[in-house]
Amino acid sequence: MVIVAEQNITPVEPIDVLGVRVLVKREDLNHPVVQGNKRRKLKYNLIKASHNPGQTVLTFGGAYSNHLLATAFAAQEQQLKAIGVVRGDELQHNHAIWSDTLYHCQRLGMVLTFISRSEYRQKEQGQTVKAMLRTTPDILVIPEGGSNDLAVKGVAELVTEIDLQGHQPSHLICPVGTGGTLAGLVRGVGETGWNCEVIGVAVLKGLQTVNQDITQWLAGHKAARSWRVLHDYHCGGYAKSVPELARFSVAFAQQQGFELDKIYNSKAFYALAQMIKSGQLTAHDQPMIIHTGGLQGGTFQP
């Protein structure tokens, strides 16, 4: 069975955050490995790949990439070949510094290719990947983080499957890396006709260009009228943190009974709490936040 095509509707759970009722879409519960938004973003990419027997899937990621691991698992499930282009050529011959993620990808059959950080920034235009595309037939390239038009289509279904029995959230919030998840939510809100604002929380420093990518993915589709990306909660950059974020995430898990990964969701839920503290969101609002999974990337510990 094609794992990413299976229907697995996750619950919407209400929690109290500083006196405001918040709905949490628990996408972290949809699969232990191909988890959260990764499953949504990979769905139509891998359905496309499965139409061509012998297809090879090539994608990109760092040593701790949830996306690499999700792609490796799903590709094995569909009997597809998978290549992971990994940032950091120093990892090539030094297995002692490999992450558990890389070992897991390798055990799942993904062929790992390590390139320098400067070449990694070039993605498909880099010399190594260009050579692979020339010499290996039937390669389907999935971008870093999985974000493309097919990914946006998959994420939009997250919104359209939610049944709030006639009620609508006032705000829909998610973490933002490459922007595909936010674009999918914006598209889904447009398709359902919800009258709510979609808010993304950037987890990387200097992510201002993501608005252009989101706008491009939404071209030609009915989209929500109001969306924006917040850039004040990256806590120093991708996979970086500050003590206040760690304290918040640990306390949140203790109070609410579920964990937040340290790279994406801790920052999104922290931003939500700060918006409530500052009065931008009040008890008169009905915000919904997407827990996008990613727990493989680690959580803050007490």
C-alpha atoms as a PDB file:
ATOM      1  CA  MET A   1       0.000   0.000   0.000  1.00  0.00           C
ATOM      2  CA  VAL A   2       1.226   3.490  -0.788  1.00  0.00           C
ATOM      3  CA  ILE A   3       1.801   4.944   2.649  1.00  0.00           C
ATOM      4  CA  VAL A   4       1.544   8.595   1.672  1.00  0.00           C
ATOM      5  CA  ALA A   5      -1.760   8.052  -0.118  1.00  0.00           C
ATOM      6  CA  GLU A   6      -3.506   6.395   2.811  1.00  0.00           C
ATOM      7  CA  GLN A   7      -6.242   8.480   4.380  1.00  0.00           C
ATOM      8  CA  ASN A   8      -5.349   9.256   7.977  1.00  0.00           C
ATOM      9  CA  ILE A   9      -7.304  12.243   9.252  1.00  0.00           C
ATOM     10  CA  THR A  10      -5.711  13.593  12.422  1.00  0.00           C
ATOM     11  CA  PRO A  11      -7.676  15.092  15.313  1.00  0.00           C
ATOM     12  CA  VAL A  12      -8.221  18.737  16.184  1.00  0.00           C
ATOM     13  CA  GLU A  13      -7.716  19.157  19.934  1.00  0.00           C
ATOM     14  CA  PRO A  14      -8.643  22.224  22.005  1.00  0.00           C
ATOM     15  CA  ILE A  15      -6.124  23.491  24.575  1.00  0.00           C
ATOM     16  CA  ASP A  16      -5.936  26.559  26.791  1.00  0.00           C
ATOM     17  CA  VAL A  17      -3.043  28.943  26.185  1.00  0.00           C
ATOM     18  CA  LEU A  18      -2.977  31.852  28.638  1.00  0.00           C
ATOM     19  CA  GLY A  19      -6.762  31.940  28.800  1.00  0.00           C
ATOM     20  CA  VAL A  20      -7.353  31.645  25.049  1.00  0.00           C
ATOM     21  CA  ARG A  21      -8.971  28.524  23.578  1.00  0.00           C
ATOM     22  CA  VAL A  22      -6.628  27.286  20.856  1.00  0.00           C
ATOM     23  CA  LEU A  23      -7.354  24.454  18.422  1.00  0.00           C
ATOM     24  CA  VAL A  24      -4.383  22.222  17.612  1.00  0.00           C
ATOM     25  CA  LYS A  25      -4.397  20.171  14.413  1.00  0.00           C
ATOM     26  CA  ARG A  26      -2.337  17.175  15.530  1.00  0.00           C
ATOM     27  CA  GLU A  27      -0.460  16.334  12.338  1.00  0.00           C
ATOM     28  CA  ASP A  28       2.280  14.859  14.526  1.00  0.00           C
ATOM     29  CA  LEU A  29      -0.006  11.836  14.918  1.00  0.00           C
ATOM     30  CA  ASN A  30      -0.326  10.908  11.237  1.00  0.00           C
ATOM     31  CA  HIS A  31       2.789   8.681  11.040  1.00  0.00           C
ATOM     32  CA  PRO A  32       5.841   7.934  13.208  1.00  0.00           C
ATOM     33  CA  VAL A  33       8.380   8.634  10.415  1.00  0.00           C
ATOM     34  CA  VAL A  34       6.669  10.217   7.388  1.00  0.00           C
ATOM     35  CA  GLN A  35       5.240  12.637   9.888  1.00  0.00           C
ATOM     36  CA  GLY A  36       3.178  15.792   9.860  1.00  0.00           C
ATOM     37  CA  ASN A  37       3.545  18.117   6.902  1.00  0.00           C
ATOM     38  CA  LYS A  38       6.204  15.834   5.357  1.00  0.00           C
ATOM     39  CA  ARG A  39       3.539  13.261   4.599  1.00  0.00           C
ATOM     40  CA  ARG A  40       1.313  15.913   3.044  1.00  0.00           C
ATOM     41  CA  LYS A  41       4.118  17.379   0.950  1.00  0.00           C
ATOM     42  CA  LEU A  42       5.425  14.037  -0.285  1.00  0.00           C
ATOM     43  CA  LYS A  43       2.032  12.549  -1.150  1.00  0.00           C
ATOM     44  CA  TYR A  44       1.563  13.744  -4.725  1.00  0.00           C
ATOM     45  CA  ASN A  45       5.298  13.816  -5.479  1.00  0.00           C
ATOM     46  CA  LEU A  46       5.593  10.110  -4.710  1.00  0.00           C
ATOM     47  CA  ILE A  47       2.321   9.241  -6.411  1.00  0.00           C
ATOM     48  CA  LYS A  48       3.794  10.862  -9.518  1.00  0.00           C
ATOM     49  CA  ALA A  49       7.012   8.878  -9.108  1.00  0.00           C
ATOM     50  CA  SER A  50       5.168   5.576  -8.631  1.00  0.00           C
ATOM     51  CA  HIS A  51       3.606   5.908 -12.089  1.00  0.00           C
ATOM     52  CA  ASN A  52       7.027   5.224 -13.599  1.00  0.00           C
ATOM     53  CA  PRO A  53       8.511   1.805 -12.658  1.00  0.00           C
ATOM     54  CA  GLY A  54      12.196   2.105 -11.828  1.00  0.00           C
ATOM     55  CA  GLN A  55      11.878   5.777 -10.941  1.00  0.00           C
ATOM     56  CA  THR A  56      14.619   7.298  -8.810  1.00  0.00           C
ATOM     57  CA  VAL A  57      13.741  10.086  -6.384  1.00  0.00           C
ATOM     58  CA  LEU A  58      16.441  12.644  -5.591  1.00  0.00           C
ATOM     59  CA  THR A  59      16.158  15.218  -2.861  1.00  0.00           C
ATOM     60  CA  PHE A  60      18.245  17.443  -0.592  1.00  0.00           C
ATOM     61  CA  GLY A  61      18.801  17.935   3.126  1.00  0.00           C
ATOM     62  CA  GLY A  62      21.173  18.438   6.006  1.00  0.00           C
ATOM     63  CA  ALA A  63      22.470  15.771   8.376  1.00  0.00           C
ATOM     64  CA  TYR A  64      19.403  16.060  10.630  1.00  0.00           C
ATOM     65  CA  SER A  65      16.774  16.558   7.931  1.00  0.00           C
ATOM     66  CA  ASN A  66      13.304  15.183   8.709  1.00  0.00           C
ATOM     67  CA  HIS A  67      12.574  15.525   5.018  1.00  0.00           C
ATOM     68  CA  LEU A  68      15.443  13.221   4.003  1.00  0.00           C
ATOM     69  CA  LEU A  69      14.307  10.537   6.418  1.00  0.00           C
ATOM     70  CA  ALA A  70      10.646  10.826   5.436  1.00  0.00           C
ATOM     71  CA  THR A  71      11.573  10.554   1.758  1.00  0.00           C
ATOM     72  CA  ALA A  72      13.814   7.525   2.374  1.00  0.00           C
ATOM     73  CA  PHE A  73      11.067   5.718   4.295  1.00  0.00           C
ATOM     74  CA  ALA A  74       8.286   6.508   1.843  1.00  0.00           C
ATOM     75  CA  ALA A  75      10.459   5.651  -1.179  1.00  0.00           C
ATOM     76  CA  GLN A  76      11.306   2.252   0.284  1.00  0.00           C
ATOM     77  CA  GLU A  77       7.614   1.663   0.993  1.00  0.00           C
ATOM     78  CA  GLN A  78       6.827   2.319  -2.667  1.00  0.00           C
ATOM     79  CA  GLN A  79       9.836   0.379  -3.935  1.00  0.00           C
ATOM     80  CA  LEU A  80      11.427   3.466  -5.430  1.00  0.00           C
ATOM     81  CA  LYS A  81      15.135   4.195  -5.514  1.00  0.00           C
ATOM     82  CA  ALA A  82      16.165   7.229  -3.496  1.00  0.00           C
ATOM     83  CA  ILE A  83      19.189   9.532  -3.533  1.00  0.00           C
ATOM     84  CA  GLY A  84      19.825  12.008  -0.753  1.00  0.00           C
ATOM     85  CA  VAL A  85      22.137  14.914  -1.522  1.00  0.00           C
ATOM     86  CA  VAL A  86      23.507  15.942   1.857  1.00  0.00           C
ATOM     87  CA  ARG A  87      24.991  19.288   2.858  1.00  0.00           C
ATOM     88  CA  GLY A  88      28.575  18.903   4.146  1.00  0.00           C
ATOM     89  CA  ASP A  89      31.321  16.998   2.287  1.00  0.00           C
ATOM     90  CA  GLU A  90      33.221  16.569   5.574  1.00  0.00           C
ATOM     91  CA  LEU A  91      30.722  13.798   6.366  1.00  0.00           C
ATOM     92  CA  GLN A  92      31.710  11.706   3.348  1.00  0.00           C
ATOM     93  CA  HIS A  93      34.449   9.605   4.980  1.00  0.00           C
ATOM     94  CA  ASN A  94      33.795  10.360   8.635  1.00  0.00           C
ATOM     95  CA  HIS A  95      30.989   8.120   9.816  1.00  0.00           C
ATOM     96  CA  ALA A  96      31.828   8.969  13.424  1.00  0.00           C
ATOM     97  CA  ILE A  97      30.088  12.325  13.012  1.00  0.00           C
ATOM     98  CA  TRP A  98      27.066  11.006  11.147  1.00  0.00           C
ATOM     99  CA  SER A  99      23.701  11.704  12.721  1.00  0.00           C
ATOM    100  CA  ASP A 100      21.218   8.962  13.535  1.00  0.00           C
ATOM    101  CA  THR A 101      19.129  10.429  10.712  1.00  0.00           C
ATOM    102  CA  LEU A 102      21.821   9.657   8.128  1.00  0.00           C
ATOM    103  CA  TYR A 103      22.304   6.108   9.394  1.00  0.00           C
ATOM    104  CA  HIS A 104      18.534   5.576   9.303  1.00  0.00           C
ATOM    105  CA  CYS A 105      18.310   6.893   5.731  1.00  0.00           C
ATOM    106  CA  GLN A 106      21.102   4.554   4.668  1.00  0.00           C
ATOM    107  CA  ARG A 107      19.439   1.531   6.316  1.00  0.00           C
ATOM    108  CA  LEU A 108      16.274   2.375   4.388  1.00  0.00           C
ATOM    109  CA  GLY A 109      18.216   2.110   1.134  1.00  0.00           C
ATOM    110  CA  MET A 110      18.765   5.785   0.356  1.00  0.00           C
ATOM    111  CA  VAL A 111      22.054   6.430  -1.447  1.00  0.00           C
ATOM    112  CA  LEU A 112      23.723   9.392   0.254  1.00  0.00           C
ATOM    113  CA  THR A 113      25.838  11.836  -1.722  1.00  0.00           C
ATOM    114  CA  PHE A 114      27.770  14.452   0.262  1.00  0.00           C
ATOM    115  CA  ILE A 115      28.670  17.797  -1.287  1.00  0.00           C
ATOM    116  CA  SER A 116      30.227  21.014  -0.036  1.00  0.00           C
ATOM    117  CA  ARG A 117      28.068  23.738   1.436  1.00  0.00           C
ATOM    118  CA  SER A 118      28.865  26.072  -1.460  1.00  0.00           C
ATOM    119  CA  GLU A 119      27.809  23.486  -4.035  1.00  0.00           C
ATOM    120  CA  TYR A 120      24.774  22.553  -1.951  1.00  0.00           C
ATOM    121  CA  ARG A 121      23.448  26.093  -2.316  1.00  0.00           C
ATOM    122  CA  GLN A 122      23.334  25.521  -6.089  1.00  0.00           C
ATOM    123  CA  LYS A 123      21.050  22.456  -5.737  1.00  0.00           C
ATOM    124  CA  GLU A 124      20.312  21.083  -9.255  1.00  0.00           C
ATOM    125  CA  GLN A 125      22.743  23.540 -10.822  1.00  0.00           C
ATOM    126  CA  GLY A 126      25.701  22.148  -8.879  1.00  0.00           C
ATOM    127  CA  GLN A 127      28.240  20.037 -10.737  1.00  0.00           C
ATOM    128  CA  THR A 128      27.597  16.808  -8.809  1.00  0.00           C
ATOM    129  CA  VAL A 129      23.817  16.848  -9.193  1.00  0.00           C
ATOM    130  CA  LYS A 130      24.051  17.907 -12.825  1.00  0.00           C
ATOM    131  CA  ALA A 131      26.218  14.884 -13.523  1.00  0.00           C
ATOM    132  CA  MET A 132      23.727  12.552 -11.825  1.00  0.00           C
ATOM    133  CA  LEU A 133      20.849  13.999 -13.803  1.00  0.00           C
ATOM    134  CA  ARG A 134      22.785  13.431 -17.045  1.00  0.00           C
ATOM    135  CA  THR A 135      23.836   9.865 -16.325  1.00  0.00           C
ATOM    136  CA  THR A 136      20.868   8.450 -14.391  1.00  0.00           C
ATOM    137  CA  PRO A 137      17.564   8.146 -16.275  1.00  0.00           C
ATOM    138  CA  ASP A 138      14.183   8.672 -14.674  1.00  0.00           C
ATOM    139  CA  ILE A 139      15.189  10.915 -11.783  1.00  0.00           C
ATOM    140  CA  LEU A 140      12.404  12.886 -10.136  1.00  0.00           C
ATOM    141  CA  VAL A 141      13.868  15.831  -8.221  1.00  0.00           C
ATOM    142  CA  ILE A 142      12.022  16.850  -5.064  1.00  0.00           C
ATOM    143  CA  PRO A 143      13.244  20.196  -3.691  1.00  0.00           C
ATOM    144  CA  GLU A 144      14.790  20.686  -0.254  1.00  0.00           C
ATOM    145  CA  GLY A 145      12.045  20.464   2.331  1.00  0.00           C
ATOM    146  CA  GLY A 146       9.730  18.951  -0.287  1.00  0.00           C
ATOM    147  CA  SER A 147       8.140  22.261  -1.255  1.00  0.00           C
ATOM    148  CA  ASN A 148       6.763  22.513  -4.798  1.00  0.00           C
ATOM    149  CA  ASP A 149       3.374  22.740  -6.514  1.00  0.00           C
ATOM    150  CA  LEU A 150       2.531  19.109  -5.725  1.00  0.00           C
ATOM    151  CA  ALA A 151       3.430  19.653  -2.071  1.00  0.00           C
ATOM    152  CA  VAL A 152       1.150  22.689  -1.868  1.00  0.00           C
ATOM    153  CA  LYS A 153      -1.684  20.580  -3.286  1.00  0.00           C
ATOM    154  CA  GLY A 154      -1.143  17.957  -0.594  1.00  0.00           C
ATOM    155  CA  VAL A 155      -1.050  20.440   2.276  1.00  0.00           C
ATOM    156  CA  ALA A 156      -4.216  22.174   1.045  1.00  0.00           C
ATOM    157  CA  GLU A 157      -6.074  18.933   1.745  1.00  0.00           C
ATOM    158  CA  LEU A 158      -5.219  19.355   5.431  1.00  0.00           C
ATOM    159  CA  VAL A 159      -7.598  22.319   5.558  1.00  0.00           C
ATOM    160  CA  THR A 160     -10.330  20.950   3.348  1.00  0.00           C
ATOM    161  CA  GLU A 161     -10.645  17.763   5.433  1.00  0.00           C
ATOM    162  CA  ILE A 162     -11.215  19.668   8.710  1.00  0.00           C
ATOM    163  CA  ASP A 163     -14.837  19.643   9.831  1.00  0.00           C
ATOM    164  CA  LEU A 164     -15.519  22.244  12.521  1.00  0.00           C
ATOM    165  CA  GLN A 165     -19.283  21.879  12.061  1.00  0.00           C
ATOM    166  CA  GLY A 166     -19.839  25.326  10.642  1.00  0.00           C
ATOM    167  CA  HIS A 167     -17.336  27.148  12.833  1.00  0.00           C
ATOM    168  CA  GLN A 168     -14.222  28.784  11.435  1.00  0.00           C
ATOM    169  CA  PRO A 169     -10.904  29.642  13.078  1.00  0.00           C
ATOM    170  CA  SER A 170     -10.033  33.319  13.231  1.00  0.00           C
ATOM    171  CA  HIS A 171      -6.349  32.599  12.602  1.00  0.00           C
ATOM    172  CA  LEU A 172      -4.468  29.609  11.181  1.00  0.00           C
ATOM    173  CA  ILE A 173      -0.821  29.371  12.288  1.00  0.00           C
ATOM    174  CA  CYS A 174       2.123  27.180  11.274  1.00  0.00           C
ATOM    175  CA  PRO A 175       5.939  27.205  11.303  1.00  0.00           C
ATOM    176  CA  VAL A 176       7.673  28.213   8.065  1.00  0.00           C
ATOM    177  CA  GLY A 177      10.879  26.862   6.550  1.00  0.00           C
ATOM    178  CA  THR A 178      10.723  26.649   2.760  1.00  0.00           C
ATOM    179  CA  GLY A 179       7.152  28.015   2.637  1.00  0.00           C
ATOM    180  CA  GLY A 180       5.324  25.117   1.007  1.00  0.00           C
ATOM    181  CA  THR A 181       3.226  24.317   4.064  1.00  0.00           C
ATOM    182  CA  LEU A 182       2.077  27.908   4.492  1.00  0.00           C
ATOM    183  CA  ALA A 183       1.235  28.137   0.790  1.00  0.00           C
ATOM    184  CA  GLY A 184      -0.819  24.958   1.081  1.00  0.00           C
ATOM    185  CA  LEU A 185      -2.724  26.295   4.077  1.00  0.00           C
ATOM    186  CA  VAL A 186      -3.423  29.565   2.274  1.00  0.00           C
ATOM    187  CA  ARG A 187      -4.695  27.648  -0.730  1.00  0.00           C
ATOM    188  CA  GLY A 188      -6.806  25.352   1.457  1.00  0.00           C
ATOM    189  CA  VAL A 189      -8.382  28.304   3.265  1.00  0.00           C
ATOM    190  CA  GLY A 190      -9.253  29.818  -0.081  1.00  0.00           C
ATOM    191  CA  GLU A 191     -10.861  26.571  -1.235  1.00  0.00           C
ATOM    192  CA  THR A 192     -12.935  26.171   1.933  1.00  0.00           C
ATOM    193  CA  GLY A 193     -13.949  29.824   2.023  1.00  0.00           C
ATOM    194  CA  TRP A 194     -12.829  30.330   5.606  1.00  0.00           C
ATOM    195  CA  ASN A 195     -12.615  33.961   6.614  1.00  0.00           C
ATOM    196  CA  CYS A 196      -9.414  33.716   8.639  1.00  0.00           C
ATOM    197  CA  GLU A 197      -5.879  35.055   8.574  1.00  0.00           C
ATOM    198  CA  VAL A 198      -3.063  32.594   7.842  1.00  0.00           C
ATOM    199  CA  ILE A 199       0.114  33.320   9.810  1.00  0.00           C
ATOM    200  CA  GLY A 200       3.494  31.677   9.308  1.00  0.00           C
ATOM    201  CA  VAL A 201       6.299  31.756  11.869  1.00  0.00           C
ATOM    202  CA  ALA A 202       9.709  31.808  10.181  1.00  0.00           C
ATOM    203  CA  VAL A 203      12.189  29.439  11.849  1.00  0.00           C
ATOM    204  CA  LEU A 204      15.145  30.652   9.787  1.00  0.00           C
ATOM    205  CA  LYS A 205      16.928  33.974   9.946  1.00  0.00           C
ATOM    206  CA  GLY A 206      16.762  36.126   6.810  1.00  0.00           C
ATOM    207  CA  LEU A 207      13.810  34.344   5.234  1.00  0.00           C
ATOM    208  CA  GLN A 208      12.292  37.423   3.619  1.00  0.00           C
ATOM    209  CA  THR A 209      12.311  35.936   0.103  1.00  0.00           C
ATOM    210  CA  VAL A 210       9.905  33.163   1.135  1.00  0.00           C
ATOM    211  CA  ASN A 211       6.958  35.488   0.416  1.00  0.00           C
ATOM    212  CA  GLN A 212       7.903  35.462  -3.263  1.00  0.00           C
ATOM    213  CA  ASP A 213       7.946  31.651  -3.355  1.00  0.00           C
ATOM    214  CA  ILE A 214       4.572  31.443  -1.622  1.00  0.00           C
ATOM    215  CA  THR A 215       3.056  33.955  -4.034  1.00  0.00           C
ATOM    216  CA  GLN A 216       4.381  31.945  -6.968  1.00  0.00           C
ATOM    217  CA  TRP A 217       2.925  28.662  -5.694  1.00  0.00           C
ATOM    218  CA  LEU A 218      -0.451  30.342  -5.206  1.00  0.00           C
ATOM    219  CA  ALA A 219      -0.592  31.776  -8.729  1.00  0.00           C
ATOM    220  CA  GLY A 220      -3.699  30.579 -10.533  1.00  0.00           C
ATOM    221  CA  HIS A 221      -5.326  29.165  -7.392  1.00  0.00           C
ATOM    222  CA  LYS A 222      -8.029  30.522  -5.172  1.00  0.00           C
ATOM    223  CA  ALA A 223      -6.206  31.648  -2.049  1.00  0.00           C
ATOM    224  CA  ALA A 224      -6.952  33.227   1.305  1.00  0.00           C
ATOM    225  CA  ARG A 225      -7.071  36.984   1.110  1.00  0.00           C
ATOM    226  CA  SER A 226      -4.965  37.565   4.211  1.00  0.00           C
ATOM    227  CA  TRP A 227      -1.660  35.881   5.063  1.00  0.00           C
ATOM    228  CA  ARG A 228       1.684  36.963   6.473  1.00  0.00           C
ATOM    229  CA  VAL A 229       4.988  35.621   7.796  1.00  0.00           C
ATOM    230  CA  LEU A 230       6.384  36.639  11.186  1.00  0.00           C
ATOM    231  CA  HIS A 231      10.177  37.004  11.338  1.00  0.00           C
ATOM    232  CA  ASP A 232      10.716  37.784  15.027  1.00  0.00           C
ATOM    233  CA  TYR A 233      10.735  34.281  16.485  1.00  0.00           C
ATOM    234  CA  HIS A 234      13.605  32.439  14.768  1.00  0.00           C
ATOM    235  CA  CYS A 235      15.650  32.659  18.021  1.00  0.00           C
ATOM    236  CA  GLY A 236      18.920  33.130  16.173  1.00  0.00           C
ATOM    237  CA  GLY A 237      18.315  31.017  13.095  1.00  0.00           C
ATOM    238  CA  TYR A 238      17.562  27.497  11.912  1.00  0.00           C
ATOM    239  CA  ALA A 239      18.009  24.867  14.670  1.00  0.00           C
ATOM    240  CA  LYS A 240      19.170  27.620  17.046  1.00  0.00           C
ATOM    241  CA  SER A 241      17.529  28.476  20.318  1.00  0.00           C
ATOM    242  CA  VAL A 242      17.444  30.743  23.346  1.00  0.00           C
ATOM    243  CA  PRO A 243      16.844  29.687  26.982  1.00  0.00           C
ATOM    244  CA  GLU A 244      13.377  31.243  27.010  1.00  0.00           C
ATOM    245  CA  LEU A 245      12.281  29.054  24.081  1.00  0.00           C
ATOM    246  CA  ALA A 246      13.555  25.898  25.771  1.00  0.00           C
ATOM    247  CA  ARG A 247      11.786  26.774  29.036  1.00  0.00           C
ATOM    248  CA  PHE A 248       8.565  27.487  27.178  1.00  0.00           C
ATOM    249  CA  SER A 249       8.680  24.204  25.249  1.00  0.00           C
ATOM    250  CA  VAL A 250       9.380  22.079  28.330  1.00  0.00           C
ATOM    251  CA  ALA A 251       6.610  23.775  30.328  1.00  0.00           C
ATOM    252  CA  PHE A 252       4.202  23.443  27.391  1.00  0.00           C
ATOM    253  CA  ALA A 253       4.782  19.684  27.142  1.00  0.00           C
ATOM    254  CA  GLN A 254       4.231  19.275  30.879  1.00  0.00           C
ATOM    255  CA  GLN A 255       1.026  21.308  30.845  1.00  0.00           C
ATOM    256  CA  GLN A 256      -0.543  20.102  27.604  1.00  0.00           C
ATOM    257  CA  GLY A 257       0.611  16.485  27.482  1.00  0.00           C
ATOM    258  CA  PHE A 258       2.302  16.492  24.059  1.00  0.00           C
ATOM    259  CA  GLU A 259       5.755  17.541  22.878  1.00  0.00           C
ATOM    260  CA  LEU A 260       6.990  20.137  20.399  1.00  0.00           C
ATOM    261  CA  ASP A 261      10.065  19.618  18.271  1.00  0.00           C
ATOM    262  CA  LYS A 262      12.848  22.105  18.962  1.00  0.00           C
ATOM    263  CA  ILE A 263      13.337  23.314  15.360  1.00  0.00           C
ATOM    264  CA  TYR A 264       9.855  24.149  14.067  1.00  0.00           C
ATOM    265  CA  ASN A 265       6.895  23.778  16.396  1.00  0.00           C
ATOM    266  CA  SER A 266       8.483  25.140  19.561  1.00  0.00           C
ATOM    267  CA  LYS A 267       8.970  28.440  17.746  1.00  0.00           C
ATOM    268  CA  ALA A 268       5.466  28.480  16.253  1.00  0.00           C
ATOM    269  CA  PHE A 269       3.733  27.737  19.558  1.00  0.00           C
ATOM    270  CA  TYR A 270       6.020  30.219  21.350  1.00  0.00           C
ATOM    271  CA  ALA A 271       5.034  32.898  18.816  1.00  0.00           C
ATOM    272  CA  LEU A 272       1.373  32.066  19.440  1.00  0.00           C
ATOM    273  CA  ALA A 273       1.851  32.534  23.187  1.00  0.00           C
ATOM    274  CA  GLN A 274       3.614  35.865  22.655  1.00  0.00           C
ATOM    275  CA  MET A 275       0.783  37.074  20.427  1.00  0.00           C
ATOM    276  CA  ILE A 276      -1.659  36.256  23.216  1.00  0.00           C
ATOM    277  CA  LYS A 277       0.512  37.976  25.833  1.00  0.00           C
ATOM    278  CA  SER A 278       0.713  41.126  23.728  1.00  0.00           C
ATOM    279  CA  GLY A 279      -3.053  41.213  23.114  1.00  0.00           C
ATOM    280  CA  GLN A 280      -2.825  40.496  19.373  1.00  0.00           C
ATOM    281  CA  LEU A 281      -4.951  37.415  20.060  1.00  0.00           C
ATOM    282  CA  THR A 282      -7.652  37.473  22.736  1.00  0.00           C
ATOM    283  CA  ALA A 283     -10.316  35.214  24.202  1.00  0.00           C
ATOM    284  CA  HIS A 284     -12.671  36.563  21.526  1.00  0.00           C
ATOM    285  CA  ASP A 285     -10.524  34.911  18.838  1.00  0.00           C
ATOM    286  CA  GLN A 286     -10.451  31.243  17.855  1.00  0.00           C
ATOM    287  CA  PRO A 287      -6.899  30.510  16.637  1.00  0.00           C
ATOM    288  CA  MET A 288      -5.888  27.162  15.199  1.00  0.00           C
ATOM    289  CA  ILE A 289      -2.261  26.049  15.017  1.00  0.00           C
ATOM    290  CA  ILE A 290      -0.833  23.159  13.005  1.00  0.00           C
ATOM    291  CA  HIS A 291       1.506  20.795  14.833  1.00  0.00           C
ATOM    292  CA  THR A 292       3.616  19.818  11.825  1.00  0.00           C
ATOM    293  CA  GLY A 293       5.399  16.896  13.495  1.00  0.00           C
ATOM    294  CA  GLY A 294       9.159  16.728  13.114  1.00  0.00           C
ATOM    295  CA  LEU A 295       9.700  15.117  16.516  1.00  0.00           C
ATOM    296  CA  GLN A 296      12.519  13.044  15.022  1.00  0.00           C
ATOM    297  CA  GLY A 297      14.513  16.295  15.077  1.00  0.00           C
ATOM    298  CA  GLY A 298      14.512  16.271  18.881  1.00  0.00           C
ATOM    299  CA  THR A 299      12.703  18.022  21.713  1.00  0.00           C
ATOM    300  CA  PHE A 300      13.831  20.204  24.596  1.00  0.00           C
ATOM    301  CA  GLN A 301      14.344  18.178  27.776  1.00  0.00           C
ATOM    302  CA  PRO A 302      13.816  19.323  31.385  1.00  0.00           C
END
